[in-house]
Structure formats: structure tokens, C-alpha cells
């Protein structure tokens, strides 16, 4: 298992040790929180490996192609985040590992980063989370969609207002 934590200690003089002690205590608390969460995060492979294309979230981004992905049973309600790392097990032995690239309701998409030679991932294989980031690099898919919808409805409202003003000037 890999646990990573970022902590900051504040004090007047870093040499006095109070700031360092606070940073160490915060890091230890974060690692303990990760450990308790990670131990409980176990799921299974829902769909065997395939390729996936994730559409760009912002206009300046490009669509992302992943050549080896699996869909797993863990989701955003379980606390899984984009950037989390998982291992896939068969009969208790690791056969593959990967990184979470999409989190949704009911399932998540894993981009495989390593597969043991000759291993075949099957539906029902066990999945364990080995790393859970403190902060997700992006919102879960349902929240991204909601944010995009709110932005589009806001832009549409402005477009209707401008069109109404233009129509009023043309009518005069």
C-alpha cells in the first residue's frame, strides 16, 4: 500500500519545532484517515478490459484515449476519487494495477497501468484501493455534468436577454 499525505505546519520560527511537530501530526492524521478509508474500499471488476475515450471537459482540452480500461463496482458514493490507485486480484494475487480516470454513480473507470504477463482480467475479479488522493484532480462525472449544465443554462439566459434587447431595437 502507498500512502501519501501533504501537511503544513505554521509557526513563528520553524527551528523551534512546533511547526514541524504540527506538520507531522497532520500528516499522520491524514494517513490514518486514508488507511481507514482504503481498508474499507474493496470492489470487483464489472467489465473486462477494453479501450475508452473520455470526452474533453473544457473546450481547450482534448478527448482522452485509454487503450486498456476496466469498469469497477466502486463509485463516488464509496469515496473513490479520480486519481486513486487500485490493484486487481485473482485468488488473492495481484495481476494488474491502475489509476481511476472517471468516477460515476454505480461504477468507475480504471486505466490500467500494469498487467502481469499472461494475466486475464475477468468480471468478478477483486479490486482493492491502494492510494486515495487527499484532493481529487477533477470533479466526479455527475458533478461535472451538473456544473456544465449550470454553465450552459447561465449562458443561454444571457443569450436570450441579448436577443430580446436586439429584437427590441430592430422593432423600433
N, C-alpha and C. Protein backbone atom coordinates (compact mmCIF):
# COMPACT_ATOMS: atom_id res chain seq x y z
N UNK A 1 0.83 -1.18 0.00
CA UNK A 1 0.00 0.00 0.00
C UNK A 1 0.88 1.24 0.00
N UNK A 2 0.38 2.27 -0.65
CA UNK A 2 1.09 3.54 -0.71
C UNK A 2 0.21 4.60 -0.07
N UNK A 3 0.74 5.32 0.87
CA UNK A 3 0.01 6.43 1.47
C UNK A 3 0.83 7.69 1.28
N UNK A 4 0.19 8.70 0.74
CA UNK A 4 0.84 9.98 0.53
C UNK A 4 0.03 11.04 1.25
N UNK A 5 0.71 11.93 1.94
CA UNK A 5 0.00 12.99 2.65
C UNK A 5 0.79 14.28 2.55
N UNK A 6 0.06 15.37 2.43
CA UNK A 6 0.67 16.69 2.41
C UNK A 6 0.14 17.43 3.64
N UNK A 7 1.04 17.97 4.42
CA UNK A 7 0.64 18.71 5.62
C UNK A 7 1.52 19.94 5.77
N UNK A 8 0.95 20.94 6.40
CA UNK A 8 1.66 22.19 6.59
C UNK A 8 1.63 22.57 8.06
N UNK A 9 2.77 22.91 8.58
CA UNK A 9 2.84 23.37 9.96
C UNK A 9 3.19 24.84 9.99
N UNK A 10 2.50 25.60 10.82
CA UNK A 10 2.74 27.04 10.88
C UNK A 10 3.29 27.40 12.25
N UNK A 11 4.25 28.28 12.23
CA UNK A 11 4.83 28.75 13.47
C UNK A 11 5.70 29.97 13.21
N UNK A 12 6.08 30.64 14.27
CA UNK A 12 6.91 31.84 14.13
C UNK A 12 8.32 31.48 13.66
N UNK A 13 8.86 30.45 14.24
CA UNK A 13 10.22 30.05 13.92
C UNK A 13 10.23 28.55 13.65
N UNK A 14 10.41 28.14 12.38
CA UNK A 14 10.38 26.71 12.08
C UNK A 14 11.41 25.90 12.86
N UNK A 15 12.49 26.54 13.29
CA UNK A 15 13.54 25.83 14.02
C UNK A 15 13.08 25.43 15.42
N UNK A 16 12.05 26.09 15.94
CA UNK A 16 11.61 25.76 17.30
C UNK A 16 10.90 24.42 17.37
N UNK A 17 10.51 23.89 16.26
CA UNK A 17 9.95 22.55 16.26
C UNK A 17 8.45 22.46 16.31
N UNK A 18 7.77 23.51 16.73
CA UNK A 18 6.31 23.46 16.83
C UNK A 18 5.67 23.27 15.45
N UNK A 19 6.20 23.99 14.45
CA UNK A 19 5.66 23.89 13.09
C UNK A 19 5.89 22.49 12.52
N UNK A 20 7.07 21.95 12.76
CA UNK A 20 7.38 20.60 12.27
C UNK A 20 6.50 19.57 12.97
N UNK A 21 6.34 19.70 14.27
CA UNK A 21 5.50 18.77 15.02
C UNK A 21 4.06 18.81 14.53
N UNK A 22 3.54 20.01 14.23
CA UNK A 22 2.17 20.15 13.73
C UNK A 22 2.04 19.51 12.35
N UNK A 23 3.04 19.72 11.48
CA UNK A 23 3.00 19.12 10.14
C UNK A 23 3.04 17.60 10.23
N UNK A 24 3.86 17.05 11.10
CA UNK A 24 3.95 15.60 11.27
C UNK A 24 2.63 15.05 11.82
N UNK A 25 2.04 15.74 12.80
CA UNK A 25 0.77 15.30 13.37
C UNK A 25 -0.34 15.34 12.32
N UNK A 26 -0.38 16.39 11.50
CA UNK A 26 -1.39 16.50 10.44
C UNK A 26 -1.21 15.40 9.40
N UNK A 27 0.06 15.12 9.02
CA UNK A 27 0.33 14.07 8.04
C UNK A 27 -0.08 12.70 8.60
N UNK A 28 0.22 12.46 9.86
CA UNK A 28 -0.16 11.19 10.49
C UNK A 28 -1.67 11.04 10.55
N UNK A 29 -2.38 12.11 10.84
CA UNK A 29 -3.85 12.06 10.88
C UNK A 29 -4.41 11.78 9.49
N UNK A 30 -3.83 12.39 8.46
CA UNK A 30 -4.28 12.16 7.09
C UNK A 30 -4.03 10.71 6.67
N UNK A 31 -2.88 10.18 7.01
CA UNK A 31 -2.56 8.79 6.66
C UNK A 31 -3.50 7.83 7.40
N UNK A 32 -3.80 8.11 8.65
CA UNK A 32 -4.74 7.27 9.41
C UNK A 32 -6.13 7.31 8.76
N UNK A 33 -6.54 8.50 8.30
CA UNK A 33 -7.84 8.63 7.63
C UNK A 33 -7.84 7.84 6.32
N UNK A 34 -6.74 7.95 5.56
CA UNK A 34 -6.63 7.19 4.31
C UNK A 34 -6.67 5.69 4.58
N UNK A 35 -5.95 5.25 5.60
CA UNK A 35 -5.90 3.82 5.92
C UNK A 35 -7.28 3.29 6.26
N UNK A 36 -8.02 4.01 7.08
CA UNK A 36 -9.36 3.54 7.46
C UNK A 36 -10.30 3.52 6.26
N UNK A 37 -10.13 4.47 5.34
CA UNK A 37 -10.97 4.51 4.14
C UNK A 37 -10.56 3.42 3.17
N UNK A 38 -9.26 3.30 2.92
CA UNK A 38 -8.76 2.34 1.94
C UNK A 38 -9.06 0.91 2.33
N UNK A 39 -8.95 0.59 3.61
CA UNK A 39 -9.23 -0.78 4.07
C UNK A 39 -10.66 -1.17 3.73
N UNK A 40 -11.57 -0.21 3.79
CA UNK A 40 -12.97 -0.50 3.51
C UNK A 40 -13.29 -0.48 2.02
N UNK A 41 -12.42 0.08 1.19
CA UNK A 41 -12.71 0.20 -0.24
C UNK A 41 -12.26 -1.03 -1.00
N UNK A 42 -13.19 -1.94 -1.17
CA UNK A 42 -12.97 -3.15 -1.95
C UNK A 42 -14.17 -3.34 -2.86
N UNK A 43 -13.90 -3.73 -4.07
CA UNK A 43 -14.98 -3.94 -5.03
C UNK A 43 -14.62 -5.06 -5.96
N UNK A 44 -15.24 -5.03 -7.15
CA UNK A 44 -14.94 -6.06 -8.13
C UNK A 44 -14.99 -5.47 -9.54
N UNK A 45 -14.35 -6.18 -10.45
CA UNK A 45 -14.36 -5.79 -11.85
C UNK A 45 -15.74 -6.08 -12.41
N UNK A 46 -16.35 -5.08 -13.06
CA UNK A 46 -17.67 -5.27 -13.68
C UNK A 46 -17.54 -5.64 -15.15
N UNK A 47 -16.64 -4.97 -15.86
CA UNK A 47 -16.43 -5.22 -17.28
C UNK A 47 -14.96 -5.49 -17.54
N UNK A 48 -14.65 -6.49 -18.38
CA UNK A 48 -13.26 -6.81 -18.68
C UNK A 48 -12.60 -5.69 -19.49
N UNK A 49 -11.28 -5.78 -19.69
CA UNK A 49 -10.55 -4.70 -20.37
C UNK A 49 -11.09 -4.34 -21.75
N UNK A 50 -11.09 -3.06 -22.01
CA UNK A 50 -11.49 -2.51 -23.30
C UNK A 50 -10.84 -1.15 -23.42
N UNK A 51 -11.00 -0.52 -24.57
CA UNK A 51 -10.49 0.84 -24.70
C UNK A 51 -11.62 1.81 -24.36
N UNK A 52 -11.27 3.03 -24.01
CA UNK A 52 -12.28 4.03 -23.67
C UNK A 52 -11.81 5.40 -24.14
N UNK A 53 -12.76 6.21 -24.55
CA UNK A 53 -12.49 7.60 -24.91
C UNK A 53 -13.31 8.47 -23.97
N UNK A 54 -12.63 9.30 -23.20
CA UNK A 54 -13.32 10.23 -22.31
C UNK A 54 -13.34 11.59 -22.98
N UNK A 55 -14.53 12.19 -23.14
CA UNK A 55 -14.60 13.49 -23.81
C UNK A 55 -13.95 14.59 -22.99
N UNK A 56 -13.46 15.61 -23.68
CA UNK A 56 -12.83 16.75 -23.02
C UNK A 56 -13.85 17.45 -22.14
N UNK A 57 -13.40 17.91 -20.99
CA UNK A 57 -14.28 18.59 -20.05
C UNK A 57 -14.39 20.07 -20.41
N UNK A 58 -13.26 20.66 -20.74
CA UNK A 58 -13.25 22.08 -21.11
C UNK A 58 -12.93 22.17 -22.60
N UNK A 59 -13.28 23.28 -23.20
CA UNK A 59 -13.08 23.48 -24.63
C UNK A 59 -11.64 23.35 -25.07
N UNK A 60 -10.70 23.78 -24.23
CA UNK A 60 -9.29 23.75 -24.63
C UNK A 60 -8.66 22.37 -24.44
N UNK A 61 -9.34 21.46 -23.74
CA UNK A 61 -8.83 20.10 -23.54
C UNK A 61 -9.11 19.24 -24.76
N UNK A 62 -8.40 18.13 -24.84
CA UNK A 62 -8.64 17.16 -25.91
C UNK A 62 -9.28 15.91 -25.32
N UNK A 63 -9.99 15.17 -26.16
CA UNK A 63 -10.52 13.88 -25.72
C UNK A 63 -9.36 13.00 -25.30
N UNK A 64 -9.58 12.18 -24.27
CA UNK A 64 -8.53 11.32 -23.75
C UNK A 64 -8.81 9.88 -24.14
N UNK A 65 -7.85 9.23 -24.80
CA UNK A 65 -7.99 7.83 -25.20
C UNK A 65 -7.19 6.96 -24.24
N UNK A 66 -7.84 5.93 -23.71
CA UNK A 66 -7.19 4.94 -22.86
C UNK A 66 -7.33 3.60 -23.56
N UNK A 67 -6.20 2.94 -23.83
CA UNK A 67 -6.27 1.69 -24.59
C UNK A 67 -6.60 0.47 -23.74
N UNK A 68 -6.40 0.53 -22.43
CA UNK A 68 -6.74 -0.60 -21.56
C UNK A 68 -7.44 -0.07 -20.31
N UNK A 69 -8.74 -0.30 -20.24
CA UNK A 69 -9.51 0.14 -19.07
C UNK A 69 -10.41 -0.99 -18.59
N UNK A 70 -10.80 -0.92 -17.32
CA UNK A 70 -11.81 -1.81 -16.77
C UNK A 70 -12.80 -0.97 -15.98
N UNK A 71 -14.02 -1.40 -15.94
CA UNK A 71 -15.05 -0.74 -15.14
C UNK A 71 -15.19 -1.54 -13.86
N UNK A 72 -15.17 -0.81 -12.70
CA UNK A 72 -15.24 -1.48 -11.40
C UNK A 72 -16.48 -1.03 -10.63
N UNK A 73 -16.80 -1.76 -9.58
CA UNK A 73 -18.04 -1.53 -8.82
C UNK A 73 -17.95 -0.37 -7.83
N UNK A 74 -16.76 0.10 -7.50
CA UNK A 74 -16.63 1.22 -6.56
C UNK A 74 -17.01 2.51 -7.26
N UNK A 75 -17.63 3.45 -6.52
CA UNK A 75 -18.08 4.69 -7.14
C UNK A 75 -17.88 5.87 -6.21
N UNK A 76 -18.45 7.02 -6.60
CA UNK A 76 -18.26 8.24 -5.81
C UNK A 76 -18.92 8.15 -4.45
N UNK A 77 -19.98 7.36 -4.32
CA UNK A 77 -20.63 7.23 -3.01
C UNK A 77 -19.77 6.42 -2.03
N UNK A 78 -18.84 5.63 -2.56
CA UNK A 78 -17.90 4.88 -1.72
C UNK A 78 -16.73 5.75 -1.27
N UNK A 79 -16.59 6.93 -1.87
CA UNK A 79 -15.48 7.82 -1.53
C UNK A 79 -14.32 7.73 -2.51
N UNK A 80 -14.49 6.98 -3.59
CA UNK A 80 -13.44 6.87 -4.60
C UNK A 80 -13.30 8.20 -5.32
N UNK A 81 -12.05 8.57 -5.65
CA UNK A 81 -11.78 9.84 -6.32
C UNK A 81 -10.95 9.60 -7.57
N UNK A 82 -11.08 10.51 -8.53
CA UNK A 82 -10.21 10.46 -9.70
C UNK A 82 -8.78 10.62 -9.20
N UNK A 83 -7.89 9.80 -9.71
CA UNK A 83 -6.50 9.81 -9.26
C UNK A 83 -6.18 8.72 -8.26
N UNK A 84 -7.21 8.06 -7.72
CA UNK A 84 -6.97 6.93 -6.80
C UNK A 84 -6.27 5.82 -7.57
N UNK A 85 -5.54 4.98 -6.85
CA UNK A 85 -4.86 3.85 -7.47
C UNK A 85 -5.43 2.57 -6.91
N UNK A 86 -5.55 1.55 -7.78
CA UNK A 86 -6.13 0.28 -7.38
C UNK A 86 -5.25 -0.87 -7.85
N UNK A 87 -5.48 -2.02 -7.23
CA UNK A 87 -4.85 -3.26 -7.66
C UNK A 87 -5.97 -4.27 -7.90
N UNK A 88 -5.81 -5.08 -8.93
CA UNK A 88 -6.80 -6.12 -9.26
C UNK A 88 -6.19 -7.47 -8.87
N UNK A 89 -6.98 -8.26 -8.13
CA UNK A 89 -6.51 -9.53 -7.59
C UNK A 89 -7.31 -10.71 -8.15
N UNK A 90 -6.62 -11.81 -8.39
CA UNK A 90 -7.26 -13.09 -8.67
C UNK A 90 -6.75 -14.09 -7.65
N UNK A 91 -7.66 -14.69 -6.90
CA UNK A 91 -7.31 -15.63 -5.84
C UNK A 91 -6.27 -15.03 -4.89
N UNK A 92 -6.42 -13.74 -4.58
CA UNK A 92 -5.55 -13.07 -3.63
C UNK A 92 -4.22 -12.58 -4.16
N UNK A 93 -3.92 -12.86 -5.44
CA UNK A 93 -2.64 -12.45 -6.01
C UNK A 93 -2.86 -11.29 -6.98
N UNK A 94 -2.01 -10.25 -6.88
CA UNK A 94 -2.17 -9.10 -7.79
C UNK A 94 -1.84 -9.47 -9.23
N UNK A 95 -2.75 -9.10 -10.15
CA UNK A 95 -2.50 -9.37 -11.57
C UNK A 95 -2.43 -8.09 -12.39
N UNK A 96 -2.93 -6.98 -11.82
CA UNK A 96 -2.90 -5.72 -12.56
C UNK A 96 -3.07 -4.56 -11.59
N UNK A 97 -2.68 -3.39 -12.05
CA UNK A 97 -2.90 -2.17 -11.27
C UNK A 97 -3.29 -1.06 -12.21
N UNK A 98 -3.90 -0.02 -11.65
CA UNK A 98 -4.33 1.08 -12.50
C UNK A 98 -4.71 2.30 -11.69
N UNK A 99 -5.10 3.33 -12.42
CA UNK A 99 -5.46 4.63 -11.83
C UNK A 99 -6.89 4.96 -12.24
N UNK A 100 -7.67 5.52 -11.31
CA UNK A 100 -9.06 5.90 -11.57
C UNK A 100 -9.05 7.15 -12.46
N UNK A 101 -9.75 7.06 -13.60
CA UNK A 101 -9.81 8.20 -14.52
C UNK A 101 -11.22 8.78 -14.63
N UNK A 102 -12.22 8.03 -14.14
CA UNK A 102 -13.60 8.53 -14.17
C UNK A 102 -14.35 7.91 -13.00
N UNK A 103 -15.08 8.74 -12.25
CA UNK A 103 -15.90 8.26 -11.14
C UNK A 103 -17.33 8.68 -11.42
N UNK A 104 -18.24 7.73 -11.29
CA UNK A 104 -19.64 7.99 -11.60
C UNK A 104 -20.49 7.36 -10.49
N UNK A 105 -21.81 7.45 -10.63
CA UNK A 105 -22.70 6.73 -9.72
C UNK A 105 -22.74 5.28 -10.17
N UNK A 106 -22.45 4.35 -9.28
CA UNK A 106 -22.58 2.92 -9.58
C UNK A 106 -21.32 2.26 -10.08
N UNK A 107 -20.37 2.99 -10.64
CA UNK A 107 -19.14 2.38 -11.15
C UNK A 107 -18.09 3.46 -11.40
N UNK A 108 -16.87 2.98 -11.68
CA UNK A 108 -15.76 3.88 -12.00
C UNK A 108 -14.93 3.23 -13.09
N UNK A 109 -14.20 4.06 -13.82
CA UNK A 109 -13.36 3.58 -14.91
C UNK A 109 -11.90 3.64 -14.48
N UNK A 110 -11.19 2.53 -14.67
CA UNK A 110 -9.79 2.42 -14.29
C UNK A 110 -8.95 2.29 -15.56
N UNK A 111 -7.93 3.14 -15.70
CA UNK A 111 -6.95 3.00 -16.77
C UNK A 111 -5.84 2.09 -16.23
N UNK A 112 -5.65 0.96 -16.86
CA UNK A 112 -4.65 0.00 -16.38
C UNK A 112 -3.25 0.52 -16.67
N UNK A 113 -2.39 0.46 -15.68
CA UNK A 113 -1.01 0.92 -15.84
C UNK A 113 -0.02 -0.24 -15.88
N UNK A 114 -0.45 -1.38 -15.33
CA UNK A 114 0.44 -2.54 -15.32
C UNK A 114 -0.40 -3.81 -15.29
N UNK A 115 -0.03 -4.78 -16.13
CA UNK A 115 -0.70 -6.09 -16.15
C UNK A 115 0.39 -7.16 -16.15
N UNK A 116 0.22 -8.16 -15.28
CA UNK A 116 1.18 -9.26 -15.24
C UNK A 116 1.13 -10.02 -16.57
N UNK A 117 2.28 -10.43 -17.10
CA UNK A 117 2.29 -11.17 -18.37
C UNK A 117 1.42 -12.43 -18.28
N UNK A 118 0.57 -12.61 -19.27
CA UNK A 118 -0.30 -13.78 -19.32
C UNK A 118 -1.56 -13.69 -18.48
N UNK A 119 -1.71 -12.64 -17.70
CA UNK A 119 -2.89 -12.49 -16.84
C UNK A 119 -4.10 -12.07 -17.67
N UNK A 120 -5.26 -12.61 -17.31
CA UNK A 120 -6.51 -12.23 -17.96
C UNK A 120 -7.46 -11.71 -16.89
N UNK A 121 -7.85 -10.46 -17.04
CA UNK A 121 -8.78 -9.85 -16.09
C UNK A 121 -10.19 -10.25 -16.49
N UNK A 122 -10.96 -10.69 -15.49
CA UNK A 122 -12.33 -11.16 -15.75
C UNK A 122 -13.31 -10.41 -14.85
N UNK A 123 -14.54 -10.37 -15.28
CA UNK A 123 -15.60 -9.81 -14.43
C UNK A 123 -15.63 -10.61 -13.14
N UNK A 124 -15.74 -9.90 -12.01
CA UNK A 124 -15.78 -10.57 -10.71
C UNK A 124 -14.45 -10.59 -9.99
N UNK A 125 -13.34 -10.26 -10.69
CA UNK A 125 -12.05 -10.19 -10.01
C UNK A 125 -12.11 -9.12 -8.92
N UNK A 126 -11.39 -9.36 -7.82
CA UNK A 126 -11.40 -8.43 -6.69
C UNK A 126 -10.59 -7.18 -7.00
N UNK A 127 -11.07 -6.03 -6.52
CA UNK A 127 -10.38 -4.75 -6.68
C UNK A 127 -10.17 -4.16 -5.29
N UNK A 128 -8.95 -3.72 -5.01
CA UNK A 128 -8.64 -3.03 -3.75
C UNK A 128 -8.00 -1.69 -4.06
N UNK A 129 -8.39 -0.70 -3.30
CA UNK A 129 -7.80 0.63 -3.45
C UNK A 129 -6.49 0.66 -2.67
N UNK A 130 -5.41 1.14 -3.33
CA UNK A 130 -4.10 1.21 -2.67
C UNK A 130 -3.68 2.63 -2.39
N UNK A 131 -4.31 3.60 -3.05
CA UNK A 131 -3.99 5.01 -2.81
C UNK A 131 -5.23 5.85 -3.06
N UNK A 132 -5.50 6.74 -2.13
CA UNK A 132 -6.64 7.64 -2.24
C UNK A 132 -6.11 9.07 -2.08
N UNK A 133 -6.17 9.89 -3.14
CA UNK A 133 -5.61 11.24 -3.02
C UNK A 133 -6.39 12.10 -2.03
N UNK A 134 -5.68 13.04 -1.40
CA UNK A 134 -6.34 13.95 -0.47
C UNK A 134 -7.35 14.81 -1.22
N UNK A 135 -6.93 15.35 -2.36
CA UNK A 135 -7.80 16.18 -3.18
C UNK A 135 -7.87 15.59 -4.58
N UNK A 136 -9.07 15.41 -5.08
CA UNK A 136 -9.23 14.87 -6.43
C UNK A 136 -8.84 15.93 -7.45
N UNK A 137 -8.15 15.53 -8.55
CA UNK A 137 -7.75 16.50 -9.56
C UNK A 137 -8.93 17.05 -10.36
N UNK A 138 -10.07 16.36 -10.32
CA UNK A 138 -11.26 16.85 -11.02
C UNK A 138 -12.50 16.32 -10.33
N UNK A 139 -13.63 16.94 -10.64
CA UNK A 139 -14.90 16.53 -10.04
C UNK A 139 -15.35 15.17 -10.57
N UNK A 140 -16.13 14.40 -9.78
CA UNK A 140 -16.72 13.18 -10.31
C UNK A 140 -17.64 13.52 -11.49
N UNK A 141 -17.82 12.58 -12.41
CA UNK A 141 -18.56 12.80 -13.64
C UNK A 141 -19.95 13.40 -13.43
N UNK A 142 -20.79 12.91 -12.50
CA UNK A 142 -22.11 13.53 -12.34
C UNK A 142 -22.02 15.00 -11.94
N UNK A 143 -21.04 15.35 -11.11
CA UNK A 143 -20.90 16.74 -10.69
C UNK A 143 -20.35 17.60 -11.82
N UNK A 144 -19.49 17.02 -12.69
CA UNK A 144 -19.01 17.75 -13.86
C UNK A 144 -20.19 18.07 -14.78
N UNK A 145 -21.04 17.08 -15.00
CA UNK A 145 -22.20 17.28 -15.87
C UNK A 145 -23.12 18.35 -15.31
N UNK A 146 -23.35 18.33 -14.00
CA UNK A 146 -24.20 19.33 -13.36
C UNK A 146 -23.59 20.73 -13.51
N UNK A 147 -22.29 20.83 -13.32
CA UNK A 147 -21.61 22.12 -13.45
C UNK A 147 -21.71 22.62 -14.89
N UNK A 148 -21.51 21.72 -15.87
CA UNK A 148 -21.63 22.10 -17.29
C UNK A 148 -23.05 22.53 -17.61
N UNK A 149 -24.05 21.84 -17.05
CA UNK A 149 -25.45 22.21 -17.29
C UNK A 149 -25.75 23.59 -16.73
N UNK A 150 -25.27 23.87 -15.52
CA UNK A 150 -25.49 25.18 -14.92
C UNK A 150 -24.83 26.29 -15.74
N UNK A 151 -23.61 26.00 -16.25
CA UNK A 151 -22.91 26.98 -17.07
C UNK A 151 -23.67 27.22 -18.37
N UNK A 152 -24.16 26.14 -18.99
CA UNK A 152 -24.91 26.27 -20.25
C UNK A 152 -26.22 27.02 -20.03
N UNK A 153 -26.92 26.74 -18.93
CA UNK A 153 -28.18 27.44 -18.68
C UNK A 153 -27.92 28.92 -18.39
N UNK A 154 -26.82 29.23 -17.72
CA UNK A 154 -26.44 30.63 -17.47
C UNK A 154 -26.15 31.33 -18.79
N UNK A 155 -25.36 30.69 -19.67
CA UNK A 155 -25.03 31.27 -20.97
C UNK A 155 -26.29 31.44 -21.82
N UNK A 156 -27.19 30.46 -21.75
CA UNK A 156 -28.44 30.55 -22.51
C UNK A 156 -29.28 31.73 -22.03
N UNK A 157 -29.32 31.97 -20.73
CA UNK A 157 -30.06 33.11 -20.18
C UNK A 157 -29.53 34.43 -20.72
N UNK A 158 -28.21 34.56 -20.76
CA UNK A 158 -27.63 35.78 -21.31
C UNK A 158 -27.94 35.91 -22.79
N UNK A 159 -27.89 34.80 -23.52
CA UNK A 159 -28.18 34.84 -24.96
C UNK A 159 -29.61 35.29 -25.20
N UNK A 160 -30.56 34.80 -24.41
CA UNK A 160 -31.96 35.21 -24.55
C UNK A 160 -32.12 36.69 -24.24
N UNK A 161 -31.45 37.18 -23.21
CA UNK A 161 -31.52 38.60 -22.85
C UNK A 161 -30.98 39.47 -23.98
N UNK A 162 -29.84 39.11 -24.53
CA UNK A 162 -29.25 39.88 -25.62
C UNK A 162 -30.13 39.83 -26.86
N UNK A 163 -30.69 38.65 -27.17
CA UNK A 163 -31.59 38.53 -28.32
C UNK A 163 -32.84 39.38 -28.12
N UNK A 164 -33.35 39.44 -26.91
CA UNK A 164 -34.53 40.26 -26.61
C UNK A 164 -34.25 41.74 -26.79
N UNK A 165 -33.08 42.17 -26.33
CA UNK A 165 -32.69 43.58 -26.49
C UNK A 165 -32.51 43.90 -27.97
N UNK A 166 -31.86 43.01 -28.71
CA UNK A 166 -31.67 43.23 -30.15
C UNK A 166 -33.00 43.28 -30.86
N UNK A 167 -33.93 42.41 -30.51
CA UNK A 167 -35.25 42.41 -31.13
C UNK A 167 -36.01 43.68 -30.84
N UNK A 168 -35.84 44.21 -29.64
CA UNK A 168 -36.49 45.47 -29.28
C UNK A 168 -35.96 46.63 -30.11
N UNK A 169 -34.64 46.66 -30.34
CA UNK A 169 -34.06 47.73 -31.16
C UNK A 169 -34.49 47.60 -32.63
N UNK A 170 -34.57 46.38 -33.14
CA UNK A 170 -34.97 46.16 -34.53
C UNK A 170 -36.42 46.55 -34.72
N UNK A 171 -37.26 46.27 -33.73
CA UNK A 171 -38.69 46.54 -33.83
C UNK A 171 -38.97 48.05 -33.85
N UNK A 172 -38.10 48.84 -33.25
CA UNK A 172 -38.33 50.28 -33.20
C UNK A 172 -38.02 50.91 -34.47
